[in-house]
Protein backbone atom coordinates (compact mmCIF):
# COMPACT_ATOMS: atom_id res chain seq x y z
CA MET A 1 17.64 -9.73 13.13
CA PRO A 2 15.27 -12.68 12.75
CA CYS A 3 11.58 -11.92 12.44
CA ARG A 4 9.41 -13.51 15.08
CA ASP A 5 5.68 -13.44 15.55
CA SER A 6 4.92 -11.36 18.65
CA SER A 7 2.27 -13.85 19.74
CA ASP A 8 4.99 -16.11 21.21
CA GLY A 9 5.11 -13.82 24.25
CA GLU A 10 8.85 -13.18 24.07
CA PRO A 11 10.13 -9.59 24.07
CA GLU A 12 11.41 -8.35 20.75
CA ARG A 13 14.88 -6.82 20.34
CA GLY A 14 15.66 -3.48 18.75
CA ALA A 15 13.08 -1.50 16.83
CA PHE A 16 11.21 -4.57 15.53
CA ARG A 17 8.10 -5.08 17.66
CA GLY A 18 6.70 -8.18 16.01
CA MET A 19 3.99 -8.92 13.53
CA LYS A 20 0.41 -9.97 13.71
CA PRO A 21 -2.27 -11.17 11.30
CA PHE A 22 -4.22 -8.41 9.59
CA ASP A 23 -6.86 -10.26 7.59
CA ASP A 24 -9.03 -7.12 7.20
CA VAL A 25 -6.95 -6.39 4.11
CA GLY A 26 -6.86 -9.93 2.70
CA ALA A 27 -6.07 -13.52 3.63
CA GLY A 28 -2.49 -13.98 4.78
CA THR A 29 -1.78 -10.29 5.37
CA ARG A 30 0.60 -9.47 8.22
CA GLU A 31 1.22 -6.18 9.95
CA ILE A 32 4.85 -5.69 10.94
CA ARG A 33 5.23 -3.32 13.88
CA ILE A 34 8.29 -1.09 14.22
CA LYS A 35 9.06 1.52 16.87
CA ASP A 36 12.04 3.83 17.20
CA ALA A 37 12.86 7.28 18.56
CA SER A 38 11.18 9.02 15.61
CA GLY A 39 7.85 7.21 15.91
CA ILE A 40 5.81 4.08 15.36
CA TYR A 41 5.59 2.53 11.90
CA ARG A 42 3.64 -0.25 10.23
CA VAL A 43 4.36 -2.37 7.18
CA MET A 44 1.49 -4.39 5.73
CA CYS A 45 2.64 -7.34 3.67
CA VAL A 46 1.51 -10.73 2.43
CA ALA A 47 3.83 -13.72 2.03
CA LYS A 48 1.41 -16.53 1.26
CA PHE A 49 2.72 -16.92 -2.26
CA GLU A 50 5.53 -19.37 -2.93
CA ASP A 51 8.39 -17.14 -4.00
CA VAL A 52 7.47 -13.54 -3.27
CA ILE A 53 6.61 -11.16 -0.45
CA TYR A 54 4.30 -8.30 -1.39
CA VAL A 55 4.68 -5.07 0.59
CA LEU A 56 1.21 -3.59 0.40
CA HIS A 57 1.65 -0.37 2.34
CA CYS A 58 4.05 1.33 4.81
CA PHE A 59 3.12 4.24 7.03
CA GLN A 60 3.77 6.05 10.29
CA LYS A 61 1.15 5.46 12.96
CA ARG A 62 -0.29 8.55 14.59
CA THR A 63 -3.27 6.98 16.40
CA GLN A 64 -4.07 3.70 18.19
CA THR A 65 -6.12 2.35 15.29
CA THR A 66 -5.18 1.74 11.68
CA GLY A 67 -6.95 4.35 9.56
CA LYS A 68 -9.50 3.56 6.87
CA GLN A 69 -7.31 5.21 4.24
CA ASP A 70 -4.30 3.03 5.16
CA LYS A 71 -6.46 -0.12 4.99
CA ALA A 72 -7.86 0.98 1.61
CA ILE A 73 -4.38 1.52 0.18
CA ALA A 74 -3.26 -1.93 1.35
CA LYS A 75 -6.42 -3.57 -0.05
CA ALA A 76 -5.91 -1.89 -3.42
CA CYS A 77 -2.40 -3.36 -3.58
CA TYR A 78 -3.43 -6.85 -2.45
CA PRO A 79 -2.52 -9.30 -5.24
CA ALA A 80 -5.21 -11.46 -6.80
CA PRO A 81 -4.67 -15.20 -6.21
């Protein structure tokens, strides 16, 4: 399934719900949104580097907002330029 930015306004297929910028963690960070029967999940990653994608943190969402602890984990894993 191709990844598309959810900001294009088109509905997503399957469990993939799109991705959005999440610069609170670091420049170029994206939050991938996934939803299925067992819950809602997030993957924070950064792909601004030429040949690598860094997965910073993955977690199940239990509230509307992203928790401070989840942001802190992703920031701690953010690669230095």
